[in-house]
Amino acid sequence: MKLKFKRKRLLSLYIMLMLTGTVFVPTAYAEGDPMTTVNNLSTFIFGFIRAIGMIILGFGIVQIGLSLKSHDPSQRANGFLTLAGGIIITFTKEILTLIAG
């Protein structure tokens, strides 16, 4: 009987805490233009994608150089594919801008 009373008391305390946390929360208003925030996030994401593209571009150049040294045509083909992928990833923002108009 005592355990049942304790559970009810804990449940009611939990419910009261949740209601207090949801009812007495002050409203937060964003300051300024919301599109500025979206544009900043977009700039950050495209900068991150550009950095990844540059890393892949550098790896493709290294792979082509190693293939020329070892005379391996399959490694050379993979190097050129990696280089092309790095270029596409690096210039994603510009490509999307051209497509969207």
PDB file of N, CA and C in Angstrom:
ATOM      1  N   MET A   1       0.824  -1.181   0.000  1.00  0.00           N
ATOM      2  CA  MET A   1       0.000   0.000   0.000  1.00  0.00           C
ATOM      3  C   MET A   1       0.875   1.254   0.000  1.00  0.00           C
ATOM      4  N   LYS A   2       1.949   1.221   0.763  1.00  0.00           N
ATOM      5  CA  LYS A   2       2.830   2.373   0.869  1.00  0.00           C
ATOM      6  C   LYS A   2       3.560   2.624  -0.459  1.00  0.00           C
ATOM      7  N   LEU A   3       3.911   1.551  -1.163  1.00  0.00           N
ATOM      8  CA  LEU A   3       4.601   1.666  -2.437  1.00  0.00           C
ATOM      9  C   LEU A   3       3.683   2.299  -3.480  1.00  0.00           C
ATOM     10  N   LYS A   4       2.422   1.957  -3.493  1.00  0.00           N
ATOM     11  CA  LYS A   4       1.461   2.515  -4.423  1.00  0.00           C
ATOM     12  C   LYS A   4       1.298   4.026  -4.195  1.00  0.00           C
ATOM     13  N   PHE A   5       1.261   4.431  -2.951  1.00  0.00           N
ATOM     14  CA  PHE A   5       1.151   5.853  -2.610  1.00  0.00           C
ATOM     15  C   PHE A   5       2.401   6.619  -3.074  1.00  0.00           C
ATOM     16  N   LYS A   6       3.570   5.989  -2.935  1.00  0.00           N
ATOM     17  CA  LYS A   6       4.821   6.625  -3.350  1.00  0.00           C
ATOM     18  C   LYS A   6       4.852   6.823  -4.868  1.00  0.00           C
ATOM     19  N   ARG A   7       4.381   5.820  -5.595  1.00  0.00           N
ATOM     20  CA  ARG A   7       4.344   5.926  -7.052  1.00  0.00           C
ATOM     21  C   ARG A   7       3.405   7.046  -7.495  1.00  0.00           C
ATOM     22  N   LYS A   8       2.237   7.125  -6.876  1.00  0.00           N
ATOM     23  CA  LYS A   8       1.289   8.188  -7.220  1.00  0.00           C
ATOM     24  C   LYS A   8       1.889   9.555  -6.921  1.00  0.00           C
ATOM     25  N   ARG A   9       2.567   9.649  -5.804  1.00  0.00           N
ATOM     26  CA  ARG A   9       3.170  10.924  -5.422  1.00  0.00           C
ATOM     27  C   ARG A   9       4.282  11.314  -6.399  1.00  0.00           C
ATOM     28  N   LEU A  10       5.111  10.351  -6.796  1.00  0.00           N
ATOM     29  CA  LEU A  10       6.164  10.636  -7.764  1.00  0.00           C
ATOM     30  C   LEU A  10       5.584  11.002  -9.128  1.00  0.00           C
ATOM     31  N   LEU A  11       4.517  10.310  -9.527  1.00  0.00           N
ATOM     32  CA  LEU A  11       3.876  10.608 -10.796  1.00  0.00           C
ATOM     33  C   LEU A  11       3.274  12.017 -10.782  1.00  0.00           C
ATOM     34  N   SER A  12       2.616  12.376  -9.696  1.00  0.00           N
ATOM     35  CA  SER A  12       2.035  13.713  -9.606  1.00  0.00           C
ATOM     36  C   SER A  12       3.132  14.786  -9.568  1.00  0.00           C
ATOM     37  N   LEU A  13       4.245  14.517  -8.914  1.00  0.00           N
ATOM     38  CA  LEU A  13       5.361  15.456  -8.893  1.00  0.00           C
ATOM     39  C   LEU A  13       5.940  15.628 -10.304  1.00  0.00           C
ATOM     40  N   TYR A  14       6.081  14.532 -11.013  1.00  0.00           N
ATOM     41  CA  TYR A  14       6.586  14.561 -12.384  1.00  0.00           C
ATOM     42  C   TYR A  14       5.648  15.375 -13.280  1.00  0.00           C
ATOM     43  N   ILE A  15       4.349  15.151 -13.169  1.00  0.00           N
ATOM     44  CA  ILE A  15       3.375  15.878 -13.975  1.00  0.00           C
ATOM     45  C   ILE A  15       3.421  17.367 -13.659  1.00  0.00           C
ATOM     46  N   MET A  16       3.542  17.706 -12.382  1.00  0.00           N
ATOM     47  CA  MET A  16       3.614  19.114 -11.996  1.00  0.00           C
ATOM     48  C   MET A  16       4.874  19.784 -12.550  1.00  0.00           C
ATOM     49  N   LEU A  17       5.995  19.077 -12.515  1.00  0.00           N
ATOM     50  CA  LEU A  17       7.238  19.632 -13.068  1.00  0.00           C
ATOM     51  C   LEU A  17       7.128  19.850 -14.571  1.00  0.00           C
ATOM     52  N   MET A  18       6.522  18.891 -15.274  1.00  0.00           N
ATOM     53  CA  MET A  18       6.356  19.035 -16.717  1.00  0.00           C
ATOM     54  C   MET A  18       5.419  20.187 -17.050  1.00  0.00           C
ATOM     55  N   LEU A  19       4.321  20.327 -16.319  1.00  0.00           N
ATOM     56  CA  LEU A  19       3.406  21.439 -16.568  1.00  0.00           C
ATOM     57  C   LEU A  19       4.056  22.775 -16.257  1.00  0.00           C
ATOM     58  N   THR A  20       4.816  22.825 -15.182  1.00  0.00           N
ATOM     59  CA  THR A  20       5.514  24.055 -14.828  1.00  0.00           C
ATOM     60  C   THR A  20       6.534  24.414 -15.905  1.00  0.00           C
ATOM     61  N   GLY A  21       7.217  23.398 -16.404  1.00  0.00           N
ATOM     62  CA  GLY A  21       8.231  23.638 -17.439  1.00  0.00           C
ATOM     63  C   GLY A  21       7.638  24.073 -18.761  1.00  0.00           C
ATOM     64  N   THR A  22       6.395  23.691 -19.043  1.00  0.00           N
ATOM     65  CA  THR A  22       5.798  24.063 -20.322  1.00  0.00           C
ATOM     66  C   THR A  22       4.946  25.327 -20.238  1.00  0.00           C
ATOM     67  N   VAL A  23       4.367  25.598 -19.093  1.00  0.00           N
ATOM     68  CA  VAL A  23       3.477  26.748 -18.959  1.00  0.00           C
ATOM     69  C   VAL A  23       4.254  28.034 -18.693  1.00  0.00           C
ATOM     70  N   PHE A  24       5.259  27.973 -17.859  1.00  0.00           N
ATOM     71  CA  PHE A  24       5.958  29.184 -17.438  1.00  0.00           C
ATOM     72  C   PHE A  24       7.232  29.470 -18.222  1.00  0.00           C
ATOM     73  N   VAL A  25       7.309  28.991 -19.453  1.00  0.00           N
ATOM     74  CA  VAL A  25       8.473  29.256 -20.297  1.00  0.00           C
ATOM     75  C   VAL A  25       8.245  30.573 -21.031  1.00  0.00           C
ATOM     76  N   PRO A  26       9.197  31.496 -20.949  1.00  0.00           N
ATOM     77  CA  PRO A  26       9.007  32.777 -21.651  1.00  0.00           C
ATOM     78  C   PRO A  26       9.137  32.590 -23.162  1.00  0.00           C
ATOM     79  N   THR A  27       8.429  33.403 -23.902  1.00  0.00           N
ATOM     80  CA  THR A  27       8.472  33.337 -25.352  1.00  0.00           C
ATOM     81  C   THR A  27       9.742  34.027 -25.846  1.00  0.00           C
ATOM     82  N   ALA A  28      10.431  33.376 -26.753  1.00  0.00           N
ATOM     83  CA  ALA A  28      11.659  33.934 -27.320  1.00  0.00           C
ATOM     84  C   ALA A  28      11.358  34.444 -28.722  1.00  0.00           C
ATOM     85  N   TYR A  29      11.690  35.688 -28.961  1.00  0.00           N
ATOM     86  CA  TYR A  29      11.475  36.282 -30.276  1.00  0.00           C
ATOM     87  C   TYR A  29      12.816  36.460 -30.968  1.00  0.00           C
ATOM     88  N   ALA A  30      12.845  36.098 -32.238  1.00  0.00           N
ATOM     89  CA  ALA A  30      14.078  36.259 -32.999  1.00  0.00           C
ATOM     90  C   ALA A  30      14.262  37.728 -33.340  1.00  0.00           C
ATOM     91  N   GLU A  31      15.492  38.151 -33.290  1.00  0.00           N
ATOM     92  CA  GLU A  31      15.789  39.544 -33.588  1.00  0.00           C
ATOM     93  C   GLU A  31      16.282  39.655 -35.016  1.00  0.00           C
ATOM     94  N   GLY A  32      15.756  40.588 -35.752  1.00  0.00           N
ATOM     95  CA  GLY A  32      16.211  40.817 -37.117  1.00  0.00           C
ATOM     96  C   GLY A  32      15.460  39.963 -38.120  1.00  0.00           C
ATOM     97  N   ASP A  33      16.017  39.899 -39.307  1.00  0.00           N
ATOM     98  CA  ASP A  33      15.403  39.190 -40.421  1.00  0.00           C
ATOM     99  C   ASP A  33      15.714  37.698 -40.333  1.00  0.00           C
ATOM    100  N   PRO A  34      14.701  36.828 -40.389  1.00  0.00           N
ATOM    101  CA  PRO A  34      14.979  35.386 -40.326  1.00  0.00           C
ATOM    102  C   PRO A  34      15.718  34.870 -41.560  1.00  0.00           C
ATOM    103  N   MET A  35      15.595  35.562 -42.685  1.00  0.00           N
ATOM    104  CA  MET A  35      16.306  35.117 -43.885  1.00  0.00           C
ATOM    105  C   MET A  35      17.813  35.291 -43.747  1.00  0.00           C
ATOM    106  N   THR A  36      18.245  36.211 -42.903  1.00  0.00           N
ATOM    107  CA  THR A  36      19.677  36.382 -42.655  1.00  0.00           C
ATOM    108  C   THR A  36      20.246  35.130 -42.004  1.00  0.00           C
ATOM    109  N   THR A  37      19.496  34.580 -41.071  1.00  0.00           N
ATOM    110  CA  THR A  37      19.936  33.351 -40.409  1.00  0.00           C
ATOM    111  C   THR A  37      19.999  32.191 -41.391  1.00  0.00           C
ATOM    112  N   VAL A  38      18.992  32.078 -42.242  1.00  0.00           N
ATOM    113  CA  VAL A  38      18.970  31.010 -43.245  1.00  0.00           C
ATOM    114  C   VAL A  38      20.129  31.172 -44.226  1.00  0.00           C
ATOM    115  N   ASN A  39      20.391  32.397 -44.645  1.00  0.00           N
ATOM    116  CA  ASN A  39      21.504  32.635 -45.569  1.00  0.00           C
ATOM    117  C   ASN A  39      22.853  32.336 -44.925  1.00  0.00           C
ATOM    118  N   ASN A  40      23.008  32.673 -43.651  1.00  0.00           N
ATOM    119  CA  ASN A  40      24.257  32.359 -42.947  1.00  0.00           C
ATOM    120  C   ASN A  40      24.459  30.858 -42.839  1.00  0.00           C
ATOM    121  N   LEU A  41      23.374  30.130 -42.544  1.00  0.00           N
ATOM    122  CA  LEU A  41      23.472  28.671 -42.465  1.00  0.00           C
ATOM    123  C   LEU A  41      23.807  28.082 -43.828  1.00  0.00           C
ATOM    124  N   SER A  42      23.187  28.601 -44.865  1.00  0.00           N
ATOM    125  CA  SER A  42      23.471  28.135 -46.224  1.00  0.00           C
ATOM    126  C   SER A  42      24.931  28.387 -46.595  1.00  0.00           C
ATOM    127  N   THR A  43      25.438  29.555 -46.245  1.00  0.00           N
ATOM    128  CA  THR A  43      26.841  29.873 -46.530  1.00  0.00           C
ATOM    129  C   THR A  43      27.777  28.924 -45.793  1.00  0.00           C
ATOM    130  N   PHE A  44      27.449  28.628 -44.530  1.00  0.00           N
ATOM    131  CA  PHE A  44      28.280  27.703 -43.754  1.00  0.00           C
ATOM    132  C   PHE A  44      28.277  26.306 -44.367  1.00  0.00           C
ATOM    133  N   ILE A  45      27.093  25.813 -44.728  1.00  0.00           N
ATOM    134  CA  ILE A  45      26.992  24.459 -45.286  1.00  0.00           C
ATOM    135  C   ILE A  45      27.730  24.365 -46.615  1.00  0.00           C
ATOM    136  N   PHE A  46      27.556  25.369 -47.487  1.00  0.00           N
ATOM    137  CA  PHE A  46      28.255  25.325 -48.770  1.00  0.00           C
ATOM    138  C   PHE A  46      29.769  25.496 -48.594  1.00  0.00           C
ATOM    139  N   GLY A  47      30.203  26.227 -47.589  1.00  0.00           N
ATOM    140  CA  GLY A  47      31.633  26.314 -47.296  1.00  0.00           C
ATOM    141  C   GLY A  47      32.201  24.983 -46.844  1.00  0.00           C
ATOM    142  N   PHE A  48      31.408  24.270 -46.030  1.00  0.00           N
ATOM    143  CA  PHE A  48      31.825  22.938 -45.575  1.00  0.00           C
ATOM    144  C   PHE A  48      31.905  21.974 -46.756  1.00  0.00           C
ATOM    145  N   ILE A  49      30.917  22.018 -47.645  1.00  0.00           N
ATOM    146  CA  ILE A  49      30.922  21.151 -48.830  1.00  0.00           C
ATOM    147  C   ILE A  49      32.105  21.493 -49.722  1.00  0.00           C
ATOM    148  N   ARG A  50      32.409  22.785 -49.854  1.00  0.00           N
ATOM    149  CA  ARG A  50      33.565  23.194 -50.666  1.00  0.00           C
ATOM    150  C   ARG A  50      34.872  22.658 -50.083  1.00  0.00           C
ATOM    151  N   ALA A  51      34.997  22.667 -48.750  1.00  0.00           N
ATOM    152  CA  ALA A  51      36.215  22.143 -48.113  1.00  0.00           C
ATOM    153  C   ALA A  51      36.359  20.644 -48.383  1.00  0.00           C
ATOM    154  N   ILE A  52      35.260  19.914 -48.297  1.00  0.00           N
ATOM    155  CA  ILE A  52      35.307  18.475 -48.598  1.00  0.00           C
ATOM    156  C   ILE A  52      35.685  18.256 -50.060  1.00  0.00           C
ATOM    157  N   GLY A  53      35.132  19.071 -50.954  1.00  0.00           N
ATOM    158  CA  GLY A  53      35.482  18.967 -52.378  1.00  0.00           C
ATOM    159  C   GLY A  53      36.948  19.234 -52.635  1.00  0.00           C
ATOM    160  N   MET A  54      37.520  20.191 -51.926  1.00  0.00           N
ATOM    161  CA  MET A  54      38.953  20.486 -52.086  1.00  0.00           C
ATOM    162  C   MET A  54      39.817  19.317 -51.618  1.00  0.00           C
ATOM    163  N   ILE A  55      39.396  18.676 -50.522  1.00  0.00           N
ATOM    164  CA  ILE A  55      40.139  17.513 -50.030  1.00  0.00           C
ATOM    165  C   ILE A  55      40.094  16.389 -51.064  1.00  0.00           C
ATOM    166  N   ILE A  56      38.911  16.125 -51.625  1.00  0.00           N
ATOM    167  CA  ILE A  56      38.780  15.078 -52.643  1.00  0.00           C
ATOM    168  C   ILE A  56      39.563  15.454 -53.897  1.00  0.00           C
ATOM    169  N   LEU A  57      39.552  16.730 -54.257  1.00  0.00           N
ATOM    170  CA  LEU A  57      40.311  17.207 -55.410  1.00  0.00           C
ATOM    171  C   LEU A  57      41.810  16.960 -55.214  1.00  0.00           C
ATOM    172  N   GLY A  58      42.310  17.274 -54.040  1.00  0.00           N
ATOM    173  CA  GLY A  58      43.722  17.023 -53.743  1.00  0.00           C
ATOM    174  C   GLY A  58      44.062  15.547 -53.767  1.00  0.00           C
ATOM    175  N   PHE A  59      43.153  14.721 -53.230  1.00  0.00           N
ATOM    176  CA  PHE A  59      43.383  13.277 -53.250  1.00  0.00           C
ATOM    177  C   PHE A  59      43.405  12.754 -54.681  1.00  0.00           C
ATOM    178  N   GLY A  60      42.559  13.302 -55.551  1.00  0.00           N
ATOM    179  CA  GLY A  60      42.557  12.882 -56.958  1.00  0.00           C
ATOM    180  C   GLY A  60      43.857  13.236 -57.646  1.00  0.00           C
ATOM    181  N   ILE A  61      44.396  14.420 -57.347  1.00  0.00           N
ATOM    182  CA  ILE A  61      45.674  14.826 -57.943  1.00  0.00           C
ATOM    183  C   ILE A  61      46.805  13.905 -57.486  1.00  0.00           C
ATOM    184  N   VAL A  62      46.813  13.570 -56.202  1.00  0.00           N
ATOM    185  CA  VAL A  62      47.830  12.656 -55.680  1.00  0.00           C
ATOM    186  C   VAL A  62      47.699  11.288 -56.333  1.00  0.00           C
ATOM    187  N   GLN A  63      46.460  10.828 -56.499  1.00  0.00           N
ATOM    188  CA  GLN A  63      46.234   9.516 -57.108  1.00  0.00           C
ATOM    189  C   GLN A  63      46.694   9.491 -58.563  1.00  0.00           C
ATOM    190  N   ILE A  64      46.488  10.568 -59.300  1.00  0.00           N
ATOM    191  CA  ILE A  64      46.959  10.641 -60.687  1.00  0.00           C
ATOM    192  C   ILE A  64      48.487  10.643 -60.720  1.00  0.00           C
ATOM    193  N   GLY A  65      49.096  11.393 -59.818  1.00  0.00           N
ATOM    194  CA  GLY A  65      50.555  11.420 -59.767  1.00  0.00           C
ATOM    195  C   GLY A  65      51.157  10.059 -59.454  1.00  0.00           C
ATOM    196  N   LEU A  66      50.549   9.346 -58.505  1.00  0.00           N
ATOM    197  CA  LEU A  66      51.050   8.004 -58.181  1.00  0.00           C
ATOM    198  C   LEU A  66      50.847   7.031 -59.329  1.00  0.00           C
ATOM    199  N   SER A  67      49.746   7.192 -60.068  1.00  0.00           N
ATOM    200  CA  SER A  67      49.501   6.281 -61.191  1.00  0.00           C
ATOM    201  C   SER A  67      50.474   6.536 -62.335  1.00  0.00           C
ATOM    202  N   LEU A  68      50.869   7.796 -62.514  1.00  0.00           N
ATOM    203  CA  LEU A  68      51.852   8.092 -63.564  1.00  0.00           C
ATOM    204  C   LEU A  68      53.220   7.523 -63.209  1.00  0.00           C
ATOM    205  N   LYS A  69      53.515   7.488 -61.906  1.00  0.00           N
ATOM    206  CA  LYS A  69      54.798   6.946 -61.467  1.00  0.00           C
ATOM    207  C   LYS A  69      54.830   5.419 -61.607  1.00  0.00           C
ATOM    208  N   SER A  70      53.695   4.772 -61.295  1.00  0.00           N
ATOM    209  CA  SER A  70      53.680   3.304 -61.318  1.00  0.00           C
ATOM    210  C   SER A  70      53.163   2.734 -62.636  1.00  0.00           C
ATOM    211  N   HIS A  71      52.759   3.576 -63.577  1.00  0.00           N
ATOM    212  CA  HIS A  71      52.245   3.151 -64.880  1.00  0.00           C
ATOM    213  C   HIS A  71      51.045   2.216 -64.743  1.00  0.00           C
ATOM    214  N   ASP A  72      50.107   2.579 -63.855  1.00  0.00           N
ATOM    215  CA  ASP A  72      48.915   1.761 -63.619  1.00  0.00           C
ATOM    216  C   ASP A  72      47.703   2.468 -64.231  1.00  0.00           C
ATOM    217  N   PRO A  73      47.175   1.945 -65.350  1.00  0.00           N
ATOM    218  CA  PRO A  73      46.072   2.639 -66.009  1.00  0.00           C
ATOM    219  C   PRO A  73      44.764   2.642 -65.203  1.00  0.00           C
ATOM    220  N   SER A  74      44.490   1.604 -64.430  1.00  0.00           N
ATOM    221  CA  SER A  74      43.246   1.587 -63.652  1.00  0.00           C
ATOM    222  C   SER A  74      43.305   2.617 -62.519  1.00  0.00           C
ATOM    223  N   GLN A  75      44.485   2.768 -61.908  1.00  0.00           N
ATOM    224  CA  GLN A  75      44.637   3.780 -60.862  1.00  0.00           C
ATOM    225  C   GLN A  75      44.539   5.183 -61.473  1.00  0.00           C
ATOM    226  N   ARG A  76      45.041   5.333 -62.696  1.00  0.00           N
ATOM    227  CA  ARG A  76      44.957   6.623 -63.376  1.00  0.00           C
ATOM    228  C   ARG A  76      43.499   6.973 -63.668  1.00  0.00           C
ATOM    229  N   ALA A  77      42.716   5.989 -64.104  1.00  0.00           N
ATOM    230  CA  ALA A  77      41.288   6.223 -64.372  1.00  0.00           C
ATOM    231  C   ALA A  77      40.562   6.605 -63.086  1.00  0.00           C
ATOM    232  N   ASN A  78      40.861   5.902 -61.996  1.00  0.00           N
ATOM    233  CA  ASN A  78      40.252   6.245 -60.705  1.00  0.00           C
ATOM    234  C   ASN A  78      40.680   7.638 -60.249  1.00  0.00           C
ATOM    235  N   GLY A  79      41.912   7.991 -60.517  1.00  0.00           N
ATOM    236  CA  GLY A  79      42.396   9.319 -60.158  1.00  0.00           C
ATOM    237  C   GLY A  79      41.661  10.409 -60.904  1.00  0.00           C
ATOM    238  N   PHE A  80      41.448  10.199 -62.213  1.00  0.00           N
ATOM    239  CA  PHE A  80      40.712  11.204 -62.989  1.00  0.00           C
ATOM    240  C   PHE A  80      39.252  11.284 -62.552  1.00  0.00           C
ATOM    241  N   LEU A  81      38.640  10.139 -62.213  1.00  0.00           N
ATOM    242  CA  LEU A  81      37.263  10.164 -61.714  1.00  0.00           C
ATOM    243  C   LEU A  81      37.178  10.892 -60.371  1.00  0.00           C
ATOM    244  N   THR A  82      38.151  10.661 -59.504  1.00  0.00           N
ATOM    245  CA  THR A  82      38.179  11.349 -58.215  1.00  0.00           C
ATOM    246  C   THR A  82      38.396  12.845 -58.416  1.00  0.00           C
ATOM    247  N   LEU A  83      39.261  13.197 -59.349  1.00  0.00           N
ATOM    248  CA  LEU A  83      39.511  14.603 -59.666  1.00  0.00           C
ATOM    249  C   LEU A  83      38.236  15.275 -60.182  1.00  0.00           C
ATOM    250  N   ALA A  84      37.527  14.602 -61.082  1.00  0.00           N
ATOM    251  CA  ALA A  84      36.281  15.167 -61.624  1.00  0.00           C
ATOM    252  C   ALA A  84      35.228  15.303 -60.520  1.00  0.00           C
ATOM    253  N   GLY A  85      35.129  14.299 -59.660  1.00  0.00           N
ATOM    254  CA  GLY A  85      34.181  14.383 -58.548  1.00  0.00           C
ATOM    255  C   GLY A  85      34.524  15.510 -57.593  1.00  0.00           C
ATOM    256  N   GLY A  86      35.799  15.704 -57.337  1.00  0.00           N
ATOM    257  CA  GLY A  86      36.232  16.796 -56.467  1.00  0.00           C
ATOM    258  C   GLY A  86      35.903  18.158 -57.045  1.00  0.00           C
ATOM    259  N   ILE A  87      36.061  18.286 -58.369  1.00  0.00           N
ATOM    260  CA  ILE A  87      35.717  19.551 -59.029  1.00  0.00           C
ATOM    261  C   ILE A  87      34.221  19.815 -58.922  1.00  0.00           C
ATOM    262  N   ILE A  88      33.417  18.782 -59.161  1.00  0.00           N
ATOM    263  CA  ILE A  88      31.960  18.944 -59.079  1.00  0.00           C
ATOM    264  C   ILE A  88      31.535  19.299 -57.659  1.00  0.00           C
ATOM    265  N   ILE A  89      32.099  18.621 -56.664  1.00  0.00           N
ATOM    266  CA  ILE A  89      31.727  18.900 -55.274  1.00  0.00           C
ATOM    267  C   ILE A  89      32.197  20.291 -54.860  1.00  0.00           C
ATOM    268  N   THR A  90      33.385  20.685 -55.319  1.00  0.00           N
ATOM    269  CA  THR A  90      33.915  22.003 -54.952  1.00  0.00           C
ATOM    270  C   THR A  90      33.031  23.127 -55.487  1.00  0.00           C
ATOM    271  N   PHE A  91      32.519  22.965 -56.683  1.00  0.00           N
ATOM    272  CA  PHE A  91      31.726  24.025 -57.303  1.00  0.00           C
ATOM    273  C   PHE A  91      30.228  23.729 -57.263  1.00  0.00           C
ATOM    274  N   THR A  92      29.771  23.048 -56.222  1.00  0.00           N
ATOM    275  CA  THR A  92      28.355  22.701 -56.087  1.00  0.00           C
ATOM    276  C   THR A  92      27.468  23.934 -56.034  1.00  0.00           C
ATOM    277  N   LYS A  93      27.841  24.934 -55.270  1.00  0.00           N
ATOM    278  CA  LYS A  93      27.011  26.130 -55.121  1.00  0.00           C
ATOM    279  C   LYS A  93      26.836  26.835 -56.465  1.00  0.00           C
ATOM    280  N   GLU A  94      27.908  26.970 -57.207  1.00  0.00           N
ATOM    281  CA  GLU A  94      27.850  27.634 -58.505  1.00  0.00           C
ATOM    282  C   GLU A  94      27.016  26.827 -59.491  1.00  0.00           C
ATOM    283  N   ILE A  95      27.141  25.497 -59.450  1.00  0.00           N
ATOM    284  CA  ILE A  95      26.357  24.627 -60.346  1.00  0.00           C
ATOM    285  C   ILE A  95      24.872  24.749 -60.015  1.00  0.00           C
ATOM    286  N   LEU A  96      24.532  24.730 -58.738  1.00  0.00           N
ATOM    287  CA  LEU A  96      23.136  24.871 -58.345  1.00  0.00           C
ATOM    288  C   LEU A  96      22.586  26.247 -58.711  1.00  0.00           C
ATOM    289  N   THR A  97      23.406  27.271 -58.607  1.00  0.00           N
ATOM    290  CA  THR A  97      22.979  28.612 -58.986  1.00  0.00           C
ATOM    291  C   THR A  97      22.703  28.682 -60.493  1.00  0.00           C
ATOM    292  N   LEU A  98      23.549  28.023 -61.307  1.00  0.00           N
ATOM    293  CA  LEU A  98      23.322  28.002 -62.747  1.00  0.00           C
ATOM    294  C   LEU A  98      22.055  27.235 -63.110  1.00  0.00           C
ATOM    295  N   ILE A  99      21.806  26.114 -62.415  1.00  0.00           N
ATOM    296  CA  ILE A  99      20.625  25.309 -62.700  1.00  0.00           C
ATOM    297  C   ILE A  99      19.348  26.047 -62.287  1.00  0.00           C
ATOM    298  N   ALA A 100      19.374  26.645 -61.083  1.00  0.00           N
ATOM    299  CA  ALA A 100      18.171  27.314 -60.563  1.00  0.00           C
ATOM    300  C   ALA A 100      17.877  28.617 -61.307  1.00  0.00           C
ATOM    301  N   GLY A 101      18.874  29.217 -61.865  1.00  0.00           N
ATOM    302  CA  GLY A 101      18.650  30.440 -62.622  1.00  0.00           C
ATOM    303  C   GLY A 101      18.949  31.607 -61.862  1.00  0.00           C
TER     304      GLY A 101
END
